[in-house]
Amino acid sequence: MTKNSHYILIDYENVQVKSLALLKDAHFQVRVFLGPKNSKLATEFVLAMKALGERGDFIVLDAGGANALDFHIAYYLGKLAELDSSAAFYVISKDKGFDPLIAHLNKNGIACERAVAIDDMSCFGHLPKPAQTHTANKSVSKAPAAKKTVTKSEKKPATKMKADELVIKVVENLKKRSAGLPRSEKTLRSVIGNVCGSVYSEKEIEAVFNRLVKTGVVDNSRVRLEYTFANS
């Protein structure tokens, strides 16, 4: 299944992203917003942006001001959404001031969310956390076995989950959407596709959507989707 474009808009004044390693796939488009004070960037980050080619771009403010960068991000977010309404949009920022705008976009059929880091984006699901290194001397000999077990279980991104497991994963993601739940079927299907990943076909994504409706989690009998998580 060909994935829709994913636009990542990085508020660099707010979050100094260190790595773009997760954004190497062709459907990712990266826009980094820099304020007047962001004159020094890490060489590794600049090279990573250069490696993206036409998929990466810097937007530099000529002058600063209160919330100036936020307004620029909002402008480009709206402009990109108008040009490519089928895309998914991610604002990388700790600033909760974006949330009302993001909720409004979701209600109008544009898939959008805010994340405080790239690896927190819903399209990546739950990424494994780094292994803890502060173990006592007596337990060091047991550590390798535990790490091997974790590594084997985490290196199975291509293994497809069962339908019930997918539904649970999607519901968990929806519950965490403080910026607003998707209110159109189109947006919800896009969210499901992002959460489940590219290994699933459109037919499988549709099956998850239908399961959400059948189990009562989603009510699509009205103009705007309604949600009931008590039955999930």
Protein backbone atom coordinates (compact mmCIF):
# COMPACT_ATOMS: atom_id res chain seq x y z
CA MET A 1 0.00 0.00 0.00
CA THR A 2 1.39 3.37 -1.08
CA LYS A 3 1.57 5.65 1.92
CA ASN A 4 0.26 9.19 1.87
CA SER A 5 2.78 11.94 2.48
CA HIS A 6 3.70 12.67 6.10
CA TYR A 7 4.71 16.30 6.73
CA ILE A 8 6.80 16.90 9.85
CA LEU A 9 6.95 20.55 10.94
CA ILE A 10 9.66 21.03 13.56
CA ASP A 11 9.50 23.95 16.00
CA TYR A 12 13.27 24.13 16.44
CA GLU A 13 13.10 26.99 18.93
CA ASN A 14 11.08 24.69 21.18
CA VAL A 15 12.54 21.26 20.40
CA GLN A 16 16.15 20.88 19.25
CA VAL A 17 15.83 17.65 17.28
CA LYS A 18 19.06 15.63 17.26
CA SER A 19 18.33 12.92 14.70
CA LEU A 20 16.22 12.38 11.58
CA ALA A 21 17.05 8.67 11.31
CA LEU A 22 13.38 7.64 11.52
CA LEU A 23 12.41 9.87 8.58
CA LYS A 24 14.40 8.22 5.78
CA ASP A 25 11.38 6.74 3.97
CA ALA A 26 10.24 8.58 0.85
CA HIS A 27 6.80 9.57 2.20
CA PHE A 28 8.29 11.80 4.92
CA GLN A 29 8.57 15.54 4.19
CA VAL A 30 10.46 17.61 6.78
CA ARG A 31 10.18 21.35 7.40
CA VAL A 32 12.41 22.85 10.11
CA PHE A 33 11.41 26.28 11.43
CA LEU A 34 14.27 28.40 12.75
CA GLY A 35 14.11 31.63 14.71
CA PRO A 36 16.72 34.42 14.55
CA LYS A 37 18.55 32.91 17.54
CA ASN A 38 18.90 29.46 15.91
CA SER A 39 22.09 30.45 14.09
CA LYS A 40 24.16 27.45 15.20
CA LEU A 41 23.01 23.97 14.23
CA ALA A 42 24.74 20.67 14.88
CA THR A 43 26.71 19.48 11.85
CA GLU A 44 25.11 16.03 12.07
CA PHE A 45 21.63 17.55 11.92
CA VAL A 46 22.48 19.76 8.93
CA LEU A 47 23.93 16.79 7.05
CA ALA A 48 20.84 14.72 7.86
CA MET A 49 18.63 17.46 6.40
CA LYS A 50 20.84 17.67 3.31
CA ALA A 51 20.52 13.91 2.84
CA LEU A 52 16.74 14.29 2.56
CA GLY A 53 17.21 16.29 -0.63
CA GLU A 54 13.98 17.92 -1.81
CA ARG A 55 12.10 16.29 1.08
CA GLY A 56 13.78 18.57 3.62
CA ASP A 57 13.69 22.34 3.90
CA PHE A 58 14.54 25.10 6.39
CA ILE A 59 12.15 28.01 6.99
CA VAL A 60 14.11 30.84 8.61
CA LEU A 61 12.40 33.83 10.22
CA ASP A 62 13.83 37.20 9.21
CA ALA A 63 12.79 38.78 12.50
CA GLY A 64 11.70 37.51 15.89
CA GLY A 65 8.72 38.38 18.04
CA ALA A 66 6.22 36.89 20.47
CA ASN A 67 4.91 33.63 18.98
CA ALA A 68 6.38 34.57 15.60
CA LEU A 69 7.59 31.04 14.88
CA ASP A 70 4.23 29.57 15.92
CA PHE A 71 2.39 31.78 13.45
CA HIS A 72 4.76 30.74 10.66
CA ILE A 73 4.20 27.06 11.45
CA ALA A 74 0.42 27.59 11.47
CA TYR A 75 0.64 29.35 8.10
CA TYR A 76 2.67 26.59 6.45
CA LEU A 77 0.51 23.90 8.06
CA GLY A 78 -2.59 25.40 6.49
CA LYS A 79 -0.88 25.95 3.16
CA LEU A 80 0.38 22.36 2.97
CA ALA A 81 -2.99 20.97 4.08
CA GLU A 82 -4.67 22.88 1.26
CA LEU A 83 -2.20 21.50 -1.29
CA ASP A 84 -2.30 17.91 -0.02
CA SER A 85 -5.40 17.23 2.10
CA SER A 86 -4.81 13.46 2.05
CA ALA A 87 -1.47 13.82 3.87
CA ALA A 88 -0.81 13.42 7.59
CA PHE A 89 0.74 16.33 9.48
CA TYR A 90 2.90 16.31 12.61
CA VAL A 91 3.97 19.36 14.61
CA ILE A 92 7.05 18.61 16.70
CA SER A 93 6.78 20.96 19.66
CA LYS A 94 6.18 21.02 23.41
CA ASP A 95 3.93 24.05 22.96
CA LYS A 96 0.33 23.04 23.74
CA GLY A 97 -0.84 26.24 22.10
CA PHE A 98 -0.94 24.32 18.81
CA ASP A 99 -3.57 21.89 20.16
CA PRO A 100 -6.73 23.94 19.40
CA LEU A 101 -5.59 24.43 15.80
CA ILE A 102 -4.77 20.73 15.46
CA ALA A 103 -8.18 19.78 16.90
CA HIS A 104 -9.84 22.09 14.36
CA LEU A 105 -7.92 20.48 11.48
CA ASN A 106 -8.92 16.99 12.62
CA LYS A 107 -12.58 18.03 12.82
CA ASN A 108 -12.32 19.23 9.23
CA GLY A 109 -10.87 16.01 7.87
CA ILE A 110 -7.14 16.82 8.07
CA ALA A 111 -5.07 14.23 9.96
CA CYS A 112 -2.83 16.19 12.29
CA GLU A 113 -1.18 15.73 15.68
CA ARG A 114 1.45 17.28 17.93
CA ALA A 115 4.35 15.27 19.34
CA VAL A 116 7.17 16.34 21.65
CA ALA A 117 9.67 14.18 19.74
CA ILE A 118 9.87 12.43 16.38
CA ASP A 119 9.83 8.96 17.96
CA ASP A 120 6.58 9.89 19.75
CA MET A 121 4.70 10.26 16.46
CA SER A 122 1.76 7.86 16.29
CA CYS A 123 2.91 6.39 12.96
CA PHE A 124 5.83 4.76 14.78
CA GLY A 125 3.67 3.18 17.48
CA HIS A 126 5.52 2.30 20.68
CA LEU A 127 9.24 2.23 19.94
CA PRO A 128 11.47 0.21 22.29
CA LYS A 129 13.15 2.28 24.99
CA PRO A 130 16.94 2.09 25.50
CA ALA A 131 18.05 -0.71 27.81
CA GLN A 132 18.89 0.28 31.39
CA THR A 133 22.60 0.15 32.17
CA HIS A 134 22.63 0.72 35.96
CA THR A 135 22.68 -2.93 37.06
CA ALA A 136 24.35 -4.28 40.18
CA ASN A 137 27.57 -6.28 39.83
CA LYS A 138 25.92 -9.51 40.96
CA SER A 139 23.27 -9.32 38.28
CA VAL A 140 25.57 -8.47 35.37
CA SER A 141 25.85 -12.09 34.30
CA LYS A 142 22.07 -12.28 33.86
CA ALA A 143 21.81 -9.06 31.87
CA PRO A 144 22.86 -10.43 28.43
CA ALA A 145 20.10 -13.05 28.42
CA ALA A 146 17.47 -10.43 29.21
CA LYS A 147 18.74 -8.08 26.51
CA LYS A 148 18.77 -10.83 23.89
CA THR A 149 15.19 -11.71 24.70
CA VAL A 150 14.06 -8.09 24.39
CA THR A 151 15.98 -7.62 21.14
CA LYS A 152 14.38 -10.65 19.53
CA SER A 153 10.89 -9.57 20.50
CA GLU A 154 11.41 -5.98 19.34
CA LYS A 155 12.93 -6.82 15.96
CA LYS A 156 9.65 -8.04 14.46
CA PRO A 157 8.14 -4.91 12.90
CA ALA A 158 7.16 -6.83 9.77
CA THR A 159 5.14 -9.43 11.71
CA LYS A 160 1.46 -8.63 11.36
CA MET A 161 -0.66 -8.34 14.48
CA LYS A 162 -4.02 -10.05 14.82
CA ALA A 163 -7.15 -8.02 14.12
CA ASP A 164 -8.10 -7.74 17.80
CA GLU A 165 -4.57 -6.58 18.68
CA LEU A 166 -4.71 -3.91 15.98
CA VAL A 167 -8.02 -2.62 17.29
CA ILE A 168 -6.61 -2.37 20.82
CA LYS A 169 -3.54 -0.52 19.51
CA VAL A 170 -5.68 1.97 17.59
CA VAL A 171 -8.02 2.54 20.55
CA GLU A 172 -5.06 3.20 22.86
CA ASN A 173 -3.76 5.78 20.38
CA LEU A 174 -7.15 7.48 20.11
CA LYS A 175 -7.47 7.72 23.89
CA LYS A 176 -4.19 9.67 24.05
CA ARG A 177 -5.18 12.27 21.45
CA SER A 178 -5.43 15.35 23.64
CA ALA A 179 -5.44 17.55 20.54
CA GLY A 180 -8.77 16.17 19.34
CA LEU A 181 -10.21 12.97 17.95
CA PRO A 182 -10.69 12.56 14.19
CA ARG A 183 -14.27 13.51 13.33
CA SER A 184 -14.49 12.26 9.75
CA GLU A 185 -14.19 8.72 8.40
CA LYS A 186 -11.43 9.82 6.04
CA THR A 187 -9.32 11.21 8.88
CA LEU A 188 -9.93 8.19 11.11
CA ARG A 189 -8.88 5.81 8.32
CA SER A 190 -5.71 7.86 7.86
CA VAL A 191 -5.01 7.66 11.60
CA ILE A 192 -5.59 3.90 11.57
CA GLY A 193 -3.17 3.52 8.66
CA ASN A 194 -0.52 5.59 10.42
CA VAL A 195 -0.85 3.65 13.67
CA CYS A 196 -0.90 0.20 12.06
CA GLY A 197 1.94 0.83 9.61
CA SER A 198 2.64 0.23 5.93
CA VAL A 199 2.64 -3.59 6.21
CA TYR A 200 -1.16 -3.54 6.28
CA SER A 201 -3.28 -3.26 3.14
CA GLU A 202 -6.20 -0.90 2.61
CA LYS A 203 -8.53 -3.87 3.07
CA GLU A 204 -7.00 -4.61 6.48
CA ILE A 205 -7.21 -0.95 7.49
CA GLU A 206 -10.88 -0.96 6.49
CA ALA A 207 -11.44 -4.10 8.56
CA VAL A 208 -10.08 -2.31 11.64
CA PHE A 209 -12.36 0.66 10.95
CA ASN A 210 -15.37 -1.65 10.62
CA ARG A 211 -14.44 -3.45 13.85
CA LEU A 212 -14.33 -0.11 15.71
CA VAL A 213 -17.83 0.67 14.43
CA LYS A 214 -19.19 -2.81 15.15
CA THR A 215 -17.89 -2.85 18.73
CA GLY A 216 -19.38 0.57 19.46
CA VAL A 217 -16.11 2.42 19.89
CA VAL A 218 -16.97 4.59 16.87
CA ASP A 219 -20.43 5.87 16.00
CA ASN A 220 -20.56 6.88 12.32
CA SER A 221 -24.33 7.36 12.15
CA ARG A 222 -23.98 11.13 12.44
CA VAL A 223 -22.22 13.84 10.43
CA ARG A 224 -19.30 13.84 12.88
CA LEU A 225 -17.85 10.67 14.36
CA GLU A 226 -18.51 10.07 18.05
CA TYR A 227 -16.47 7.82 20.36
CA THR A 228 -17.27 5.59 23.33
CA PHE A 229 -14.23 3.98 24.91
CA ALA A 230 -16.06 2.21 27.74
CA ASN A 231 -16.80 -0.75 25.46
CA SER A 232 -13.17 -1.12 24.28
